Amino acid sequence: MARDFGAKGEEDVVDVYGRIFPSYSRSEIHPAISIILKDMPRGSLLDFPAGSGSLAWRLQSEGFEVTAADVVPEAFKNPEIEIVRGDLNGIFPFESNRFDYACFVEGPEHVENVFQCLREFARILKPGGTLVVSLPNYSNLQNRIKQFLNGVIEPVVSYESLKSDYIGNEFMIHINRLPYPMMRMALEFAGFKVESVHQDRPKKKQRLLWPLAWAIQMLTALRGEKGQKKYWMKDNNATEVLMGGNTLILVARLKHKAA
């Protein structure tokens, strides 16, 4: 099975440490992850889903011992890095407590059961291991307005479109559209604690929504600890989330193994 992304596909490429890769991600995400991991001790790292391998090559070149996994390992472009076939919806093909780090980049939106998937990441990470997660920022103000107006944040995919436009690439559909509080809840259920939240880049057009953002943040302050306890309002309405870019990047530490 080969990846086929139509017009975007192989035409968009990225140069990472002298190697050219097909680009399947927003250009700001991988450099942002590199900066986040820059000062962390080097160790073993799982990149899953690995795609063409641009993030794996970046992190390998920066000193990590990288292993990769993807549902389509044939698309991986790094012969010197181990790549195995893996399904995020199943049991990961790795023994428990193997890795110091894992990157789950642009993955949660494609997974049928993100709670089970995160339990697998917790299983293969060593105690105290670090998970870096990226996903679309469904909690930014622009997406909240889309949800209010359309009843759904992103377009749906009809059965006819599934068969005509995504045949062989069903795993590319955004089937799980998690706002920040639900992503955090899933992480905590799996034994992780979110330590920091980052964005890929600000959305310039969203600046026009600052008056509404300030009103939401004033309401958040008025709700105080009650709002935080019930809805994680302080975190969900923090500027980096509420006025954040297209992508959220979460760094989470494994505090305990899920039961």
Foldseek 3Di string as FASTA:
>chain_A
DDDDDDPQWQVDWDAAPNDIARDPDDPLPLVVVCVVCLPPDAEEEEEPQQAQNRSVVNVVVSHHQYAYEHCCCVNHDDPVHHYDYDDLQDAGPAAFQATQEYECEQPPQLYPDLLVSLLNVLGNHHAFHKYKYKHFLCLAQVQVVCCVVVVHRDDDADPVCCVVPQVVNSSVHRNDDDHPVVVQVSNVLQQKHWDDKAASAFDPVCVVVVVVLVVLVVVVVVCPPVCCVPPVSCVSSPCCRHRNDGMMMTMITRNDGHD
